[in-house]
PDB file of N, CA and C in Angstrom:
ATOM      1  N   MET A   1      68.610  31.600  26.178  1.00  0.00           N
ATOM      2  CA  MET A   1      69.387  31.083  25.077  1.00  0.00           C
ATOM      3  C   MET A   1      68.770  29.773  24.611  1.00  0.00           C
ATOM      4  N   LEU A   2      68.699  29.605  23.303  1.00  0.00           N
ATOM      5  CA  LEU A   2      68.078  28.426  22.709  1.00  0.00           C
ATOM      6  C   LEU A   2      69.134  27.375  22.394  1.00  0.00           C
ATOM      7  N   ASN A   3      68.896  26.137  22.777  1.00  0.00           N
ATOM      8  CA  ASN A   3      69.812  25.033  22.518  1.00  0.00           C
ATOM      9  C   ASN A   3      68.978  23.845  22.041  1.00  0.00           C
ATOM     10  N   VAL A   4      68.674  23.818  20.744  1.00  0.00           N
ATOM     11  CA  VAL A   4      67.877  22.752  20.158  1.00  0.00           C
ATOM     12  C   VAL A   4      68.617  22.230  18.931  1.00  0.00           C
ATOM     13  N   VAL A   5      68.785  20.916  18.870  1.00  0.00           N
ATOM     14  CA  VAL A   5      69.524  20.294  17.778  1.00  0.00           C
ATOM     15  C   VAL A   5      68.712  19.125  17.238  1.00  0.00           C
ATOM     16  N   THR A   6      68.686  18.978  15.908  1.00  0.00           N
ATOM     17  CA  THR A   6      68.105  17.803  15.274  1.00  0.00           C
ATOM     18  C   THR A   6      69.124  17.261  14.291  1.00  0.00           C
ATOM     19  N   LEU A   7      69.459  15.993  14.432  1.00  0.00           N
ATOM     20  CA  LEU A   7      70.401  15.330  13.536  1.00  0.00           C
ATOM     21  C   LEU A   7      69.765  14.047  13.010  1.00  0.00           C
ATOM     22  N   ALA A   8      70.056  13.731  11.754  1.00  0.00           N
ATOM     23  CA  ALA A   8      69.644  12.456  11.169  1.00  0.00           C
ATOM     24  C   ALA A   8      70.902  11.697  10.794  1.00  0.00           C
ATOM     25  N   GLY A   9      70.894  10.409  11.057  1.00  0.00           N
ATOM     26  CA  GLY A   9      72.051   9.605  10.720  1.00  0.00           C
ATOM     27  C   GLY A   9      71.845   8.150  11.082  1.00  0.00           C
ATOM     28  N   ASN A  10      72.944   7.417  11.090  1.00  0.00           N
ATOM     29  CA  ASN A  10      72.913   5.985  11.386  1.00  0.00           C
ATOM     30  C   ASN A  10      73.534   5.712  12.747  1.00  0.00           C
ATOM     31  N   ILE A  11      72.896   4.827  13.494  1.00  0.00           N
ATOM     32  CA  ILE A  11      73.450   4.424  14.782  1.00  0.00           C
ATOM     33  C   ILE A  11      74.708   3.606  14.509  1.00  0.00           C
ATOM     34  N   GLY A  12      75.812   3.999  15.134  1.00  0.00           N
ATOM     35  CA  GLY A  12      77.096   3.385  14.850  1.00  0.00           C
ATOM     36  C   GLY A  12      77.600   2.440  15.920  1.00  0.00           C
ATOM     37  N   SER A  13      76.820   2.209  16.949  1.00  0.00           N
ATOM     38  CA  SER A  13      77.247   1.305  18.019  1.00  0.00           C
ATOM     39  C   SER A  13      76.025   0.618  18.608  1.00  0.00           C
ATOM     40  N   ASP A  14      76.276  -0.477  19.300  1.00  0.00           N
ATOM     41  CA  ASP A  14      75.183  -1.121  20.018  1.00  0.00           C
ATOM     42  C   ASP A  14      74.693  -0.186  21.119  1.00  0.00           C
ATOM     43  N   ILE A  15      73.444  -0.335  21.488  1.00  0.00           N
ATOM     44  CA  ILE A  15      72.862   0.492  22.539  1.00  0.00           C
ATOM     45  C   ILE A  15      73.420   0.037  23.880  1.00  0.00           C
ATOM     46  N   GLU A  16      73.964   0.981  24.647  1.00  0.00           N
ATOM     47  CA  GLU A  16      74.451   0.691  25.995  1.00  0.00           C
ATOM     48  C   GLU A  16      73.390   1.155  26.976  1.00  0.00           C
ATOM     49  N   ASN A  17      73.021   0.300  27.906  1.00  0.00           N
ATOM     50  CA  ASN A  17      71.985   0.628  28.883  1.00  0.00           C
ATOM     51  C   ASN A  17      72.569   0.595  30.285  1.00  0.00           C
ATOM     52  N   PHE A  18      72.225   1.606  31.067  1.00  0.00           N
ATOM     53  CA  PHE A  18      72.638   1.637  32.463  1.00  0.00           C
ATOM     54  C   PHE A  18      71.651   2.486  33.240  1.00  0.00           C
ATOM     55  N   PHE A  19      71.810   2.487  34.551  1.00  0.00           N
ATOM     56  CA  PHE A  19      70.910   3.225  35.426  1.00  0.00           C
ATOM     57  C   PHE A  19      71.730   4.182  36.283  1.00  0.00           C
ATOM     58  N   THR A  20      71.098   5.264  36.713  1.00  0.00           N
ATOM     59  CA  THR A  20      71.778   6.203  37.594  1.00  0.00           C
ATOM     60  C   THR A  20      72.154   5.473  38.879  1.00  0.00           C
ATOM     61  N   PRO A  21      73.168   5.972  39.596  1.00  0.00           N
ATOM     62  CA  PRO A  21      73.640   5.281  40.801  1.00  0.00           C
ATOM     63  C   PRO A  21      72.537   4.959  41.814  1.00  0.00           C
ATOM     64  N   ASP A  22      71.521   5.787  41.880  1.00  0.00           N
ATOM     65  CA  ASP A  22      70.431   5.506  42.813  1.00  0.00           C
ATOM     66  C   ASP A  22      69.479   4.442  42.270  1.00  0.00           C
ATOM     67  N   GLY A  23      69.757   3.946  41.039  1.00  0.00           N
ATOM     68  CA  GLY A  23      68.941   2.893  40.451  1.00  0.00           C
ATOM     69  C   GLY A  23      67.633   3.371  39.878  1.00  0.00           C
ATOM     70  N   GLY A  24      67.457   4.680  39.798  1.00  0.00           N
ATOM     71  CA  GLY A  24      66.162   5.203  39.395  1.00  0.00           C
ATOM     72  C   GLY A  24      65.961   5.495  37.933  1.00  0.00           C
ATOM     73  N   THR A  25      66.933   6.083  37.255  1.00  0.00           N
ATOM     74  CA  THR A  25      66.716   6.545  35.895  1.00  0.00           C
ATOM     75  C   THR A  25      67.455   5.664  34.891  1.00  0.00           C
ATOM     76  N   HIS A  26      66.692   5.129  33.944  1.00  0.00           N
ATOM     77  CA  HIS A  26      67.268   4.334  32.862  1.00  0.00           C
ATOM     78  C   HIS A  26      67.901   5.287  31.854  1.00  0.00           C
ATOM     79  N   ILE A  27      69.137   4.991  31.442  1.00  0.00           N
ATOM     80  CA  ILE A  27      69.841   5.778  30.437  1.00  0.00           C
ATOM     81  C   ILE A  27      70.297   4.836  29.335  1.00  0.00           C
ATOM     82  N   ALA A  28      69.989   5.173  28.090  1.00  0.00           N
ATOM     83  CA  ALA A  28      70.468   4.428  26.925  1.00  0.00           C
ATOM     84  C   ALA A  28      71.405   5.353  26.160  1.00  0.00           C
ATOM     85  N   SER A  29      72.536   4.817  25.727  1.00  0.00           N
ATOM     86  CA  SER A  29      73.559   5.626  25.073  1.00  0.00           C
ATOM     87  C   SER A  29      74.034   4.925  23.806  1.00  0.00           C
ATOM     88  N   PHE A  30      74.286   5.715  22.749  1.00  0.00           N
ATOM     89  CA  PHE A  30      74.809   5.163  21.504  1.00  0.00           C
ATOM     90  C   PHE A  30      75.476   6.276  20.714  1.00  0.00           C
ATOM     91  N   SER A  31      76.286   5.897  19.734  1.00  0.00           N
ATOM     92  CA  SER A  31      76.913   6.892  18.867  1.00  0.00           C
ATOM     93  C   SER A  31      76.084   7.022  17.589  1.00  0.00           C
ATOM     94  N   LEU A  32      76.062   8.236  17.043  1.00  0.00           N
ATOM     95  CA  LEU A  32      75.311   8.528  15.826  1.00  0.00           C
ATOM     96  C   LEU A  32      76.262   9.131  14.803  1.00  0.00           C
ATOM     97  N   ALA A  33      76.299   8.533  13.612  1.00  0.00           N
ATOM     98  CA  ALA A  33      77.086   9.071  12.503  1.00  0.00           C
ATOM     99  C   ALA A  33      76.174   9.957  11.663  1.00  0.00           C
ATOM    100  N   PHE A  34      76.663  11.139  11.283  1.00  0.00           N
ATOM    101  CA  PHE A  34      75.859  12.059  10.481  1.00  0.00           C
ATOM    102  C   PHE A  34      76.746  12.774   9.475  1.00  0.00           C
ATOM    103  N   ALA A  35      76.151  13.248   8.395  1.00  0.00           N
ATOM    104  CA  ALA A  35      76.901  13.992   7.381  1.00  0.00           C
ATOM    105  C   ALA A  35      77.254  15.361   7.955  1.00  0.00           C
ATOM    106  N   SER A  36      78.553  15.705   7.897  1.00  0.00           N
ATOM    107  CA  SER A  36      78.973  16.978   8.491  1.00  0.00           C
ATOM    108  C   SER A  36      79.600  17.927   7.478  1.00  0.00           C
ATOM    109  N   GLY A  37      79.319  17.715   6.204  1.00  0.00           N
ATOM    110  CA  GLY A  37      79.823  18.614   5.182  1.00  0.00           C
ATOM    111  C   GLY A  37      80.686  17.884   4.170  1.00  0.00           C
ATOM    112  N   PHE A  38      81.383  18.682   3.338  1.00  0.00           N
ATOM    113  CA  PHE A  38      82.228  18.129   2.285  1.00  0.00           C
ATOM    114  C   PHE A  38      83.629  18.694   2.389  1.00  0.00           C
ATOM    115  N   LYS A  39      84.604  17.859   2.045  1.00  0.00           N
ATOM    116  CA  LYS A  39      86.002  18.285   1.979  1.00  0.00           C
ATOM    117  C   LYS A  39      86.628  17.598   0.780  1.00  0.00           C
ATOM    118  N   ASP A  40      87.222  18.381  -0.099  1.00  0.00           N
ATOM    119  CA  ASP A  40      87.838  17.843  -1.317  1.00  0.00           C
ATOM    120  C   ASP A  40      86.863  16.974  -2.103  1.00  0.00           C
ATOM    121  N   GLY A  41      85.594  17.388  -2.152  1.00  0.00           N
ATOM    122  CA  GLY A  41      84.580  16.665  -2.912  1.00  0.00           C
ATOM    123  C   GLY A  41      84.058  15.411  -2.253  1.00  0.00           C
ATOM    124  N   GLN A  42      84.526  15.096  -1.060  1.00  0.00           N
ATOM    125  CA  GLN A  42      84.086  13.904  -0.350  1.00  0.00           C
ATOM    126  C   GLN A  42      83.211  14.290   0.846  1.00  0.00           C
ATOM    127  N   GLU A  43      82.118  13.564   1.015  1.00  0.00           N
ATOM    128  CA  GLU A  43      81.258  13.805   2.169  1.00  0.00           C
ATOM    129  C   GLU A  43      81.995  13.410   3.442  1.00  0.00           C
ATOM    130  N   GLN A  44      81.950  14.268   4.435  1.00  0.00           N
ATOM    131  CA  GLN A  44      82.596  14.013   5.719  1.00  0.00           C
ATOM    132  C   GLN A  44      81.556  13.485   6.709  1.00  0.00           C
ATOM    133  N   THR A  45      82.002  12.609   7.597  1.00  0.00           N
ATOM    134  CA  THR A  45      81.123  12.033   8.605  1.00  0.00           C
ATOM    135  C   THR A  45      81.505  12.562   9.979  1.00  0.00           C
ATOM    136  N   GLY A  46      80.501  13.041  10.702  1.00  0.00           N
ATOM    137  CA  GLY A  46      80.693  13.449  12.082  1.00  0.00           C
ATOM    138  C   GLY A  46      80.090  12.398  12.996  1.00  0.00           C
ATOM    139  N   TRP A  47      80.555  12.366  14.233  1.00  0.00           N
ATOM    140  CA  TRP A  47      80.055  11.412  15.226  1.00  0.00           C
ATOM    141  C   TRP A  47      79.686  12.169  16.491  1.00  0.00           C
ATOM    142  N   ILE A  48      78.590  11.743  17.107  1.00  0.00           N
ATOM    143  CA  ILE A  48      78.202  12.332  18.388  1.00  0.00           C
ATOM    144  C   ILE A  48      77.598  11.250  19.267  1.00  0.00           C
ATOM    145  N   LYS A  49      77.836  11.358  20.554  1.00  0.00           N
ATOM    146  CA  LYS A  49      77.239  10.450  21.538  1.00  0.00           C
ATOM    147  C   LYS A  49      75.829  10.949  21.820  1.00  0.00           C
ATOM    148  N   VAL A  50      74.856  10.046  21.810  1.00  0.00           N
ATOM    149  CA  VAL A  50      73.457  10.372  22.099  1.00  0.00           C
ATOM    150  C   VAL A  50      73.069   9.666  23.382  1.00  0.00           C
ATOM    151  N   LYS A  51      72.390  10.380  24.263  1.00  0.00           N
ATOM    152  CA  LYS A  51      71.858   9.777  25.486  1.00  0.00           C
ATOM    153  C   LYS A  51      70.354   9.983  25.534  1.00  0.00           C
ATOM    154  N   CYS A  52      69.653   8.909  25.887  1.00  0.00           N
ATOM    155  CA  CYS A  52      68.195   8.923  26.068  1.00  0.00           C
ATOM    156  C   CYS A  52      67.917   8.591  27.523  1.00  0.00           C
ATOM    157  N   PHE A  53      66.868   9.177  28.071  1.00  0.00           N
ATOM    158  CA  PHE A  53      66.559   8.995  29.484  1.00  0.00           C
ATOM    159  C   PHE A  53      65.131   8.479  29.671  1.00  0.00           C
ATOM    160  N   SER A  54      64.948   7.709  30.737  1.00  0.00           N
ATOM    161  CA  SER A  54      63.648   7.219  31.198  1.00  0.00           C
ATOM    162  C   SER A  54      62.906   6.441  30.114  1.00  0.00           C
ATOM    163  N   LYS A  55      61.676   6.855  29.781  1.00  0.00           N
ATOM    164  CA  LYS A  55      60.863   6.105  28.818  1.00  0.00           C
ATOM    165  C   LYS A  55      61.477   6.088  27.425  1.00  0.00           C
ATOM    166  N   LEU A  56      62.134   7.176  27.026  1.00  0.00           N
ATOM    167  CA  LEU A  56      62.800   7.190  25.722  1.00  0.00           C
ATOM    168  C   LEU A  56      63.957   6.185  25.716  1.00  0.00           C
ATOM    169  N   ALA A  57      64.625   6.024  26.854  1.00  0.00           N
ATOM    170  CA  ALA A  57      65.684   5.013  26.971  1.00  0.00           C
ATOM    171  C   ALA A  57      65.101   3.604  26.849  1.00  0.00           C
ATOM    172  N   ASP A  58      63.928   3.376  27.446  1.00  0.00           N
ATOM    173  CA  ASP A  58      63.260   2.082  27.313  1.00  0.00           C
ATOM    174  C   ASP A  58      62.962   1.783  25.847  1.00  0.00           C
ATOM    175  N   THR A  59      62.463   2.779  25.134  1.00  0.00           N
ATOM    176  CA  THR A  59      62.142   2.622  23.715  1.00  0.00           C
ATOM    177  C   THR A  59      63.406   2.356  22.909  1.00  0.00           C
ATOM    178  N   ALA A  60      64.466   3.095  23.188  1.00  0.00           N
ATOM    179  CA  ALA A  60      65.734   2.886  22.471  1.00  0.00           C
ATOM    180  C   ALA A  60      66.236   1.473  22.697  1.00  0.00           C
ATOM    181  N   GLU A  61      66.179   1.000  23.934  1.00  0.00           N
ATOM    182  CA  GLU A  61      66.646  -0.350  24.248  1.00  0.00           C
ATOM    183  C   GLU A  61      65.859  -1.399  23.469  1.00  0.00           C
ATOM    184  N   ASN A  62      64.551  -1.206  23.343  1.00  0.00           N
ATOM    185  CA  ASN A  62      63.686  -2.208  22.734  1.00  0.00           C
ATOM    186  C   ASN A  62      63.656  -2.170  21.206  1.00  0.00           C
ATOM    187  N   TYR A  63      63.911  -1.015  20.586  1.00  0.00           N
ATOM    188  CA  TYR A  63      63.699  -0.887  19.146  1.00  0.00           C
ATOM    189  C   TYR A  63      64.929  -0.491  18.332  1.00  0.00           C
ATOM    190  N   LEU A  64      65.907   0.140  18.940  1.00  0.00           N
ATOM    191  CA  LEU A  64      67.041   0.626  18.155  1.00  0.00           C
ATOM    192  C   LEU A  64      68.186  -0.369  18.160  1.00  0.00           C
ATOM    193  N   HIS A  65      69.018  -0.303  17.117  1.00  0.00           N
ATOM    194  CA  HIS A  65      70.176  -1.182  16.993  1.00  0.00           C
ATOM    195  C   HIS A  65      71.186  -0.532  16.075  1.00  0.00           C
ATOM    196  N   LYS A  66      72.391  -1.045  16.111  1.00  0.00           N
ATOM    197  CA  LYS A  66      73.459  -0.548  15.249  1.00  0.00           C
ATOM    198  C   LYS A  66      73.001  -0.627  13.793  1.00  0.00           C
ATOM    199  N   GLY A  67      73.201   0.458  13.046  1.00  0.00           N
ATOM    200  CA  GLY A  67      72.821   0.506  11.639  1.00  0.00           C
ATOM    201  C   GLY A  67      71.479   1.149  11.375  1.00  0.00           C
ATOM    202  N   ALA A  68      70.613   1.257  12.394  1.00  0.00           N
ATOM    203  CA  ALA A  68      69.307   1.887  12.195  1.00  0.00           C
ATOM    204  C   ALA A  68      69.496   3.358  11.828  1.00  0.00           C
ATOM    205  N   ARG A  69      68.673   3.855  10.904  1.00  0.00           N
ATOM    206  CA  ARG A  69      68.720   5.264  10.499  1.00  0.00           C
ATOM    207  C   ARG A  69      67.604   5.992  11.232  1.00  0.00           C
ATOM    208  N   ILE A  70      67.988   7.037  11.983  1.00  0.00           N
ATOM    209  CA  ILE A  70      67.028   7.756  12.816  1.00  0.00           C
ATOM    210  C   ILE A  70      67.263   9.261  12.711  1.00  0.00           C
ATOM    211  N   ALA A  71      66.296  10.020  13.192  1.00  0.00           N
ATOM    212  CA  ALA A  71      66.453  11.452  13.425  1.00  0.00           C
ATOM    213  C   ALA A  71      66.264  11.670  14.921  1.00  0.00           C
ATOM    214  N   VAL A  72      67.172  12.431  15.517  1.00  0.00           N
ATOM    215  CA  VAL A  72      67.145  12.676  16.958  1.00  0.00           C
ATOM    216  C   VAL A  72      67.069  14.172  17.200  1.00  0.00           C
ATOM    217  N   SER A  73      66.159  14.585  18.073  1.00  0.00           N
ATOM    218  CA  SER A  73      66.071  15.986  18.489  1.00  0.00           C
ATOM    219  C   SER A  73      66.336  16.063  19.983  1.00  0.00           C
ATOM    220  N   GLY A  74      67.035  17.111  20.373  1.00  0.00           N
ATOM    221  CA  GLY A  74      67.340  17.297  21.779  1.00  0.00           C
ATOM    222  C   GLY A  74      68.209  18.513  21.975  1.00  0.00           C
ATOM    223  N   TYR A  75      69.060  18.478  23.004  1.00  0.00           N
ATOM    224  CA  TYR A  75      69.931  19.611  23.284  1.00  0.00           C
ATOM    225  C   TYR A  75      71.363  19.129  23.485  1.00  0.00           C
ATOM    226  N   LEU A  76      72.309  19.989  23.148  1.00  0.00           N
ATOM    227  CA  LEU A  76      73.719  19.669  23.305  1.00  0.00           C
ATOM    228  C   LEU A  76      74.172  19.944  24.727  1.00  0.00           C
ATOM    229  N   GLN A  77      75.040  19.069  25.220  1.00  0.00           N
ATOM    230  CA  GLN A  77      75.660  19.267  26.522  1.00  0.00           C
ATOM    231  C   GLN A  77      77.155  19.038  26.354  1.00  0.00           C
ATOM    232  N   GLN A  78      77.952  19.994  26.797  1.00  0.00           N
ATOM    233  CA  GLN A  78      79.398  19.872  26.698  1.00  0.00           C
ATOM    234  C   GLN A  78      79.953  19.151  27.910  1.00  0.00           C
ATOM    235  N   GLN A  79      80.835  18.187  27.643  1.00  0.00           N
ATOM    236  CA  GLN A  79      81.533  17.458  28.697  1.00  0.00           C
ATOM    237  C   GLN A  79      82.973  17.978  28.710  1.00  0.00           C
ATOM    238  N   ARG A  80      83.474  18.355  29.865  1.00  0.00           N
ATOM    239  CA  ARG A  80      84.844  18.858  29.985  1.00  0.00           C
ATOM    240  C   ARG A  80      85.598  18.031  31.013  1.00  0.00           C
ATOM    241  N   TRP A  81      86.886  17.787  30.737  1.00  0.00           N
ATOM    242  CA  TRP A  81      87.732  17.065  31.667  1.00  0.00           C
ATOM    243  C   TRP A  81      89.187  17.418  31.407  1.00  0.00           C
ATOM    244  N   GLU A  82      90.014  16.987  32.312  1.00  0.00           N
ATOM    245  CA  GLU A  82      91.446  17.226  32.202  1.00  0.00           C
ATOM    246  C   GLU A  82      92.154  15.877  32.239  1.00  0.00           C
ATOM    247  N   THR A  83      93.130  15.680  31.339  1.00  0.00           N
ATOM    248  CA  THR A  83      93.868  14.425  31.285  1.00  0.00           C
ATOM    249  C   THR A  83      94.894  14.363  32.410  1.00  0.00           C
ATOM    250  N   GLU A  84      95.530  13.215  32.542  1.00  0.00           N
ATOM    251  CA  GLU A  84      96.589  13.062  33.544  1.00  0.00           C
ATOM    252  C   GLU A  84      97.756  14.003  33.270  1.00  0.00           C
ATOM    253  N   ASN A  85      97.907  14.419  32.007  1.00  0.00           N
ATOM    254  CA  ASN A  85      98.974  15.351  31.624  1.00  0.00           C
ATOM    255  C   ASN A  85      98.525  16.807  31.691  1.00  0.00           C
ATOM    256  N   ASN A  86      97.414  17.053  32.390  1.00  0.00           N
ATOM    257  CA  ASN A  86      96.843  18.393  32.564  1.00  0.00           C
ATOM    258  C   ASN A  86      96.423  19.054  31.257  1.00  0.00           C
ATOM    259  N   GLU A  87      96.068  18.254  30.255  1.00  0.00           N
ATOM    260  CA  GLU A  87      95.530  18.785  29.009  1.00  0.00           C
ATOM    261  C   GLU A  87      94.022  18.890  29.135  1.00  0.00           C
ATOM    262  N   LYS A  88      93.485  20.048  28.767  1.00  0.00           N
ATOM    263  CA  LYS A  88      92.034  20.234  28.835  1.00  0.00           C
ATOM    264  C   LYS A  88      91.387  19.641  27.591  1.00  0.00           C
ATOM    265  N   ARG A  89      90.342  18.874  27.791  1.00  0.00           N
ATOM    266  CA  ARG A  89      89.613  18.217  26.710  1.00  0.00           C
ATOM    267  C   ARG A  89      88.130  18.524  26.853  1.00  0.00           C
ATOM    268  N   SER A  90      87.424  18.396  25.740  1.00  0.00           N
ATOM    269  CA  SER A  90      85.974  18.530  25.795  1.00  0.00           C
ATOM    270  C   SER A  90      85.346  17.780  24.636  1.00  0.00           C
ATOM    271  N   SER A  91      84.101  17.425  24.807  1.00  0.00           N
ATOM    272  CA  SER A  91      83.304  16.802  23.753  1.00  0.00           C
ATOM    273  C   SER A  91      81.852  17.183  24.001  1.00  0.00           C
ATOM    274  N   TYR A  92      81.022  16.926  23.012  1.00  0.00           N
ATOM    275  CA  TYR A  92      79.601  17.219  23.135  1.00  0.00           C
ATOM    276  C   TYR A  92      78.808  15.931  23.050  1.00  0.00           C
ATOM    277  N   GLN A  93      77.694  15.903  23.747  1.00  0.00           N
ATOM    278  CA  GLN A  93      76.734  14.817  23.607  1.00  0.00           C
ATOM    279  C   GLN A  93      75.368  15.428  23.333  1.00  0.00           C
ATOM    280  N   LEU A  94      74.520  14.670  22.667  1.00  0.00           N
ATOM    281  CA  LEU A  94      73.163  15.099  22.361  1.00  0.00           C
ATOM    282  C   LEU A  94      72.228  14.374  23.320  1.00  0.00           C
ATOM    283  N   ASN A  95      71.584  15.115  24.198  1.00  0.00           N
ATOM    284  CA  ASN A  95      70.594  14.545  25.112  1.00  0.00           C
ATOM    285  C   ASN A  95      69.249  14.577  24.398  1.00  0.00           C
ATOM    286  N   ALA A  96      68.740  13.402  24.077  1.00  0.00           N
ATOM    287  CA  ALA A  96      67.565  13.273  23.213  1.00  0.00           C
ATOM    288  C   ALA A  96      66.266  13.577  23.946  1.00  0.00           C
ATOM    289  N   ASN A  97      65.410  14.310  23.243  1.00  0.00           N
ATOM    290  CA  ASN A  97      64.035  14.530  23.691  1.00  0.00           C
ATOM    291  C   ASN A  97      63.062  13.695  22.869  1.00  0.00           C
ATOM    292  N   SER A  98      63.436  13.418  21.602  1.00  0.00           N
ATOM    293  CA  SER A  98      62.585  12.605  20.733  1.00  0.00           C
ATOM    294  C   SER A  98      63.442  11.916  19.678  1.00  0.00           C
ATOM    295  N   ILE A  99      62.944  10.792  19.197  1.00  0.00           N
ATOM    296  CA  ILE A  99      63.595  10.022  18.143  1.00  0.00           C
ATOM    297  C   ILE A  99      62.537   9.648  17.120  1.00  0.00           C
ATOM    298  N   GLU A 100      62.900   9.804  15.849  1.00  0.00           N
ATOM    299  CA  GLU A 100      62.016   9.384  14.768  1.00  0.00           C
ATOM    300  C   GLU A 100      62.739   8.328  13.947  1.00  0.00           C
ATOM    301  N   PHE A 101      62.069   7.216  13.704  1.00  0.00           N
ATOM    302  CA  PHE A 101      62.671   6.161  12.892  1.00  0.00           C
ATOM    303  C   PHE A 101      62.601   6.554  11.429  1.00  0.00           C
ATOM    304  N   ILE A 102      63.712   6.459  10.735  1.00  0.00           N
ATOM    305  CA  ILE A 102      63.730   6.618   9.287  1.00  0.00           C
ATOM    306  C   ILE A 102      63.805   5.239   8.649  1.00  0.00           C
ATOM    307  N   ARG A 103      64.715   4.400   9.174  1.00  0.00           N
ATOM    308  CA  ARG A 103      64.839   3.014   8.706  1.00  0.00           C
ATOM    309  C   ARG A 103      65.398   2.194   9.863  1.00  0.00           C
ATOM    310  N   ILE A 104      64.624   1.207  10.302  1.00  0.00           N
ATOM    311  CA  ILE A 104      65.124   0.354  11.378  1.00  0.00           C
ATOM    312  C   ILE A 104      65.471  -1.034  10.861  1.00  0.00           C
ATOM    313  N   ASN A 105      64.951  -1.379   9.693  1.00  0.00           N
ATOM    314  CA  ASN A 105      65.315  -2.640   9.051  1.00  0.00           C
ATOM    315  C   ASN A 105      66.255  -2.321   7.903  1.00  0.00           C
ATOM    316  N   ASP A 106      66.419  -3.239   6.977  1.00  0.00           N
ATOM    317  CA  ASP A 106      67.290  -3.000   5.828  1.00  0.00           C
ATOM    318  C   ASP A 106      66.593  -2.225   4.717  1.00  0.00           C
ATOM    319  N   LYS A 107      65.296  -1.971   4.851  1.00  0.00           N
ATOM    320  CA  LYS A 107      64.550  -1.290   3.795  1.00  0.00           C
ATOM    321  C   LYS A 107      64.032   0.048   4.308  1.00  0.00           C
ATOM    322  N   GLU A 108      63.921   1.027   3.412  1.00  0.00           N
ATOM    323  CA  GLU A 108      63.377   2.330   3.772  1.00  0.00           C
ATOM    324  C   GLU A 108      61.912   2.402   3.369  1.00  0.00           C
ATOM    325  N   GLU A 109      61.128   1.436   3.752  1.00  0.00           N
ATOM    326  CA  GLU A 109      59.727   1.445   3.395  1.00  0.00           C
ATOM    327  C   GLU A 109      58.890   1.348   4.651  1.00  0.00           C
ATOM    328  N   GLU A 110      57.638   1.721   4.511  1.00  0.00           N
ATOM    329  CA  GLU A 110      56.728   1.657   5.646  1.00  0.00           C
ATOM    330  C   GLU A 110      56.457   0.205   6.004  1.00  0.00           C
ATOM    331  N   PRO A 111      56.423  -0.145   7.295  1.00  0.00           N
ATOM    332  CA  PRO A 111      56.107  -1.519   7.698  1.00  0.00           C
ATOM    333  C   PRO A 111      54.674  -1.873   7.331  1.00  0.00           C
ATOM    334  N   ALA A 112      54.433  -3.148   7.116  1.00  0.00           N
ATOM    335  CA  ALA A 112      53.104  -3.603   6.797  1.00  0.00           C
ATOM    336  C   ALA A 112      52.152  -3.366   7.961  1.00  0.00           C
ATOM    337  N   ALA A 113      50.878  -3.208   7.656  1.00  0.00           N
ATOM    338  CA  ALA A 113      49.885  -2.988   8.696  1.00  0.00           C
ATOM    339  C   ALA A 113      49.883  -4.154   9.662  1.00  0.00           C
ATOM    340  N   GLY A 114      49.721  -3.858  10.937  1.00  0.00           N
ATOM    341  CA  GLY A 114      49.655  -4.890  11.949  1.00  0.00           C
ATOM    342  C   GLY A 114      50.992  -5.263  12.550  1.00  0.00           C
ATOM    343  N   THR A 115      52.087  -4.742  12.019  1.00  0.00           N
ATOM    344  CA  THR A 115      53.378  -5.056  12.612  1.00  0.00           C
ATOM    345  C   THR A 115      53.633  -4.129  13.789  1.00  0.00           C
ATOM    346  N   ASP A 116      54.508  -4.570  14.667  1.00  0.00           N
ATOM    347  CA  ASP A 116      54.828  -3.771  15.839  1.00  0.00           C
ATOM    348  C   ASP A 116      55.470  -2.462  15.442  1.00  0.00           C
ATOM    349  N   GLN A 117      55.000  -1.391  16.014  1.00  0.00           N
ATOM    350  CA  GLN A 117      55.538  -0.071  15.768  1.00  0.00           C
ATOM    351  C   GLN A 117      56.082   0.482  17.079  1.00  0.00           C
ATOM    352  N   PRO A 118      57.183   1.207  17.031  1.00  0.00           N
ATOM    353  CA  PRO A 118      57.673   1.845  18.250  1.00  0.00           C
ATOM    354  C   PRO A 118      56.640   2.824  18.794  1.00  0.00           C
ATOM    355  N   PRO A 119      56.575   2.983  20.099  1.00  0.00           N
ATOM    356  CA  PRO A 119      55.547   3.837  20.708  1.00  0.00           C
ATOM    357  C   PRO A 119      55.909   5.314  20.705  1.00  0.00           C
ATOM    358  N   PHE A 120      56.468   5.836  19.613  1.00  0.00           N
ATOM    359  CA  PHE A 120      56.716   7.285  19.509  1.00  0.00           C
ATOM    360  C   PHE A 120      56.667   7.722  18.091  1.00  0.00           C
TER     361      PHE A 120
END
């Protein structure tokens, strides 16, 4: 079964960084706002939690910020839990395999030659 997703949107939260309990794997997490269709003539916004691991997490920590416009490719993972009232809940997160910068500053233009570029 194929599980590949690519979404483009704006980062809606500051990057949260943490490590696995064994202290080995860096994880960076943030929310991504994306266009999810139209209702009554208005564009609807969807939100998804994105997680980056290891070197991609290092890159996210160093280069991404709230408001940056990116494209993220990866796979969906469903999270399931039960509330204290025994209600079943679920949500999805996008585990990133790659990130492409669309706009990291306030302008959608190519950076000048010689400026720092993200390593991906």
